[in-house]
Amino acid sequence: PSRPEVGQLGINLQSLTLNLDAPETKNPRVAVYTYTESGEKVQLKRWDPRSTMRKVSNTLAMAPKVGKYVDWERTMRRDKVTGQLFKKFTAGDHGWNKEEKAWKWSNLHGAQYSIERTPFRKACCERKQVLESGGAGNAVKPNLITLPACRVITAGILNRSLHPVTHRQAVLMADQIFSRCGAVPGILDAI
């Protein structure tokens, strides 16, 4: 493609594990942001493929609403008086899962797409190519290493160097150093 930084991003959120005290009481929501070339933070707009008739039928069928942005609402409702969390009506596998100790989003709620022709930062989408040394015709191959491999290498280097960091801190350092965008996932606001 002539502009690999322009396209559509699809995200399927299945579960979220929080390493906090009493994660079953948090009831998280997730929002997705991207950054422009100038570094400005922009919330990712959501693609809605439904026709007008489908929008009406989804409203009548009490299907999950489709918002303007790519985000996932809280999976459970909180009682205003007691503060307890309750599963939403016809939620299915949606909400807190006691066995897995994770917040789950059902398939109906979990898959979302950005609008078509969404621009992303070029640095995040470039795939550098290098010429293979030797061989017939100097074939082109990608110069890539996976992020999980970078995490293992970084954790090993920090452990051998006797730096007092947890495995999680080592993973976040690797993500920041080796990610094409230099961005790491994180919790911006927790209540």
Protein backbone atom coordinates (compact mmCIF):
# COMPACT_ATOMS: atom_id res chain seq x y z
CA PRO A 1 0.00 0.00 0.00
CA SER A 2 1.10 3.53 -0.74
CA ARG A 3 0.11 4.77 2.74
CA PRO A 4 0.41 1.93 5.28
CA GLU A 5 -0.33 4.33 8.15
CA VAL A 6 -3.93 4.83 6.94
CA GLY A 7 -6.39 2.01 7.51
CA GLN A 8 -8.82 0.35 9.88
CA LEU A 9 -7.93 -1.08 13.29
CA GLY A 10 -9.94 -3.99 14.71
CA ILE A 11 -9.77 -4.82 18.42
CA ASN A 12 -11.43 -7.79 20.11
CA LEU A 13 -11.35 -7.31 23.89
CA GLN A 14 -11.95 -10.64 25.60
CA SER A 15 -10.71 -10.20 29.15
CA LEU A 16 -8.80 -7.87 31.44
CA THR A 17 -6.78 -8.93 34.47
CA LEU A 18 -5.98 -6.28 37.06
CA ASN A 19 -3.09 -6.82 39.47
CA LEU A 20 -4.65 -4.68 42.19
CA ASP A 21 -6.15 -5.31 45.60
CA ALA A 22 -9.73 -6.64 45.25
CA PRO A 23 -9.96 -6.41 41.43
CA GLU A 24 -13.53 -7.79 41.55
CA THR A 25 -14.71 -4.45 42.98
CA LYS A 26 -13.23 -2.20 40.26
CA ASN A 27 -15.64 -2.63 37.28
CA PRO A 28 -13.29 -1.19 34.62
CA ARG A 29 -14.07 0.53 31.35
CA VAL A 30 -11.60 0.72 28.46
CA ALA A 31 -11.05 3.59 26.01
CA VAL A 32 -8.67 3.54 23.03
CA TYR A 33 -6.56 6.54 22.00
CA THR A 34 -4.08 7.14 19.24
CA TYR A 35 -1.60 9.95 18.65
CA THR A 36 -1.18 12.22 15.65
CA GLU A 37 2.20 12.93 14.04
CA SER A 38 2.49 16.04 16.23
CA GLY A 39 1.88 13.98 19.40
CA GLU A 40 -1.69 15.11 20.02
CA LYS A 41 -3.85 12.53 21.83
CA VAL A 42 -7.03 11.62 19.87
CA GLN A 43 -9.76 9.16 20.84
CA LEU A 44 -10.26 6.53 18.13
CA LYS A 45 -13.59 6.92 16.30
CA ARG A 46 -15.71 3.79 15.95
CA TRP A 47 -17.02 2.29 12.70
CA ASP A 48 -20.74 1.53 12.63
CA PRO A 49 -21.58 -0.75 9.69
CA ARG A 50 -25.30 -0.92 10.48
CA SER A 51 -27.97 0.49 8.20
CA THR A 52 -30.76 2.70 9.57
CA MET A 53 -33.13 -0.29 9.81
CA ARG A 54 -30.59 -2.31 11.76
CA LYS A 55 -30.00 0.58 14.16
CA VAL A 56 -33.73 0.70 14.88
CA SER A 57 -33.98 -3.09 15.28
CA ASN A 58 -30.95 -3.16 17.60
CA THR A 59 -32.56 -0.50 19.78
CA LEU A 60 -35.81 -2.46 19.94
CA ALA A 61 -33.96 -5.73 20.68
CA MET A 62 -32.03 -4.05 23.52
CA ALA A 63 -28.70 -4.90 21.86
CA PRO A 64 -25.60 -3.12 23.13
CA LYS A 65 -25.44 0.47 21.95
CA VAL A 66 -22.79 1.51 19.49
CA GLY A 67 -20.96 4.61 20.64
CA LYS A 68 -19.08 7.24 18.68
CA TYR A 69 -15.65 6.05 19.87
CA VAL A 70 -13.87 2.72 20.30
CA ASP A 71 -14.42 2.02 23.98
CA TRP A 72 -15.85 -0.65 26.21
CA GLU A 73 -18.32 0.36 28.89
CA ARG A 74 -18.35 -1.13 32.36
CA THR A 75 -19.44 -4.77 32.23
CA MET A 76 -21.61 -4.74 35.35
CA ARG A 77 -24.00 -2.29 36.95
CA ARG A 78 -23.36 -0.94 40.45
CA ASP A 79 -26.20 -0.61 42.98
CA LYS A 80 -26.31 3.04 44.04
CA VAL A 81 -27.32 2.21 47.62
CA THR A 82 -25.14 -0.79 48.53
CA GLY A 83 -22.35 -0.35 45.96
CA GLN A 84 -22.58 -4.04 44.99
CA LEU A 85 -21.99 -5.09 41.40
CA PHE A 86 -24.65 -7.03 39.48
CA LYS A 87 -24.53 -8.63 36.04
CA LYS A 88 -26.50 -6.78 33.41
CA PHE A 89 -29.67 -8.39 32.07
CA THR A 90 -28.88 -11.11 29.46
CA ALA A 91 -25.16 -10.50 29.95
CA GLY A 92 -23.95 -14.07 29.44
CA ASP A 93 -20.18 -14.35 29.90
CA HIS A 94 -19.87 -10.65 30.50
CA GLY A 95 -18.55 -9.18 33.74
CA TRP A 96 -16.41 -10.54 36.57
CA ASN A 97 -15.34 -14.17 36.15
CA LYS A 98 -14.55 -15.70 39.56
CA GLU A 99 -12.72 -18.75 38.17
CA GLU A 100 -10.35 -16.80 35.92
CA LYS A 101 -10.23 -13.76 38.25
CA ALA A 102 -10.63 -11.49 35.23
CA TRP A 103 -13.11 -9.02 33.78
CA LYS A 104 -14.69 -10.55 30.66
CA TRP A 105 -16.40 -9.02 27.64
CA SER A 106 -18.71 -11.24 25.59
CA ASN A 107 -18.18 -11.62 21.84
CA LEU A 108 -21.19 -9.38 21.21
CA HIS A 109 -19.57 -6.53 23.17
CA GLY A 110 -15.86 -7.25 22.64
CA ALA A 111 -15.21 -6.71 18.90
CA GLN A 112 -14.93 -3.10 17.70
CA TYR A 113 -13.38 -1.42 14.66
CA SER A 114 -12.10 2.06 13.95
CA ILE A 115 -13.56 3.99 11.04
CA GLU A 116 -12.12 3.22 7.63
CA ARG A 117 -9.13 5.30 6.50
CA THR A 118 -8.08 6.21 10.05
CA PRO A 119 -4.63 7.86 10.04
CA PHE A 120 -2.02 6.51 12.48
CA ARG A 121 1.54 7.63 13.20
CA LYS A 122 3.91 6.57 10.44
CA ALA A 123 6.47 5.36 12.97
CA CYS A 124 3.97 2.74 14.20
CA CYS A 125 3.27 1.31 10.77
CA GLU A 126 6.61 1.25 8.97
CA ARG A 127 8.17 -2.10 8.26
CA LYS A 128 11.82 -1.70 7.54
CA GLN A 129 13.30 -4.02 4.93
CA VAL A 130 16.94 -5.10 4.69
CA LEU A 131 18.76 -6.99 1.99
CA GLU A 132 19.72 -10.49 2.90
CA SER A 133 23.47 -10.91 2.70
CA GLY A 134 24.46 -13.41 0.03
CA GLY A 135 22.05 -15.76 -1.67
CA ALA A 136 20.69 -15.75 -5.20
CA GLY A 137 19.29 -12.42 -6.32
CA ASN A 138 19.63 -10.75 -2.87
CA ALA A 139 16.09 -11.57 -1.74
CA VAL A 140 14.39 -9.10 0.59
CA LYS A 141 13.36 -10.30 4.05
CA PRO A 142 11.83 -8.45 7.00
CA ASN A 143 14.14 -7.37 9.81
CA LEU A 144 11.80 -8.18 12.67
CA ILE A 145 11.83 -9.48 16.24
CA THR A 146 8.68 -10.08 18.22
CA LEU A 147 7.86 -7.98 21.25
CA PRO A 148 7.58 -11.05 23.54
CA ALA A 149 11.15 -11.99 22.55
CA CYS A 150 12.31 -8.46 23.40
CA ARG A 151 10.60 -8.78 26.79
CA VAL A 152 12.44 -12.01 27.60
CA ILE A 153 15.78 -10.51 26.52
CA THR A 154 15.25 -7.34 28.57
CA ALA A 155 14.20 -9.29 31.67
CA GLY A 156 17.27 -11.53 31.30
CA ILE A 157 19.66 -8.58 30.95
CA LEU A 158 18.18 -6.77 33.95
CA ASN A 159 18.30 -9.94 36.11
CA ARG A 160 21.90 -10.72 35.16
CA SER A 161 22.86 -7.09 35.85
CA LEU A 162 21.31 -7.41 39.33
CA HIS A 163 18.90 -4.53 38.81
CA PRO A 164 16.11 -4.77 41.41
CA VAL A 165 13.08 -4.69 39.07
CA THR A 166 10.04 -6.92 38.98
CA HIS A 167 9.20 -8.92 35.87
CA ARG A 168 6.32 -6.55 35.17
CA GLN A 169 8.65 -3.53 35.28
CA ALA A 170 11.06 -5.29 32.92
CA VAL A 171 8.20 -5.99 30.49
CA LEU A 172 7.09 -2.34 30.55
CA MET A 173 10.68 -1.20 29.96
CA ALA A 174 10.95 -3.55 26.98
CA ASP A 175 7.64 -2.31 25.60
CA GLN A 176 8.77 1.30 25.88
CA ILE A 177 12.19 0.67 24.35
CA PHE A 178 11.25 -1.73 21.54
CA SER A 179 7.73 -0.61 20.61
CA ARG A 180 7.66 1.25 17.31
CA CYS A 181 5.59 4.02 18.88
CA GLY A 182 7.51 4.16 22.15
CA ALA A 183 4.14 3.83 23.91
CA VAL A 184 3.25 1.32 26.60
CA PRO A 185 -0.18 0.14 27.73
CA GLY A 186 -1.15 1.42 31.11
CA ILE A 187 -3.97 2.41 33.42
CA LEU A 188 -4.49 6.15 33.16
CA ASP A 189 -7.21 6.42 35.78
CA ALA A 190 -8.32 3.93 38.43
CA ILE A 191 -11.05 4.51 40.97
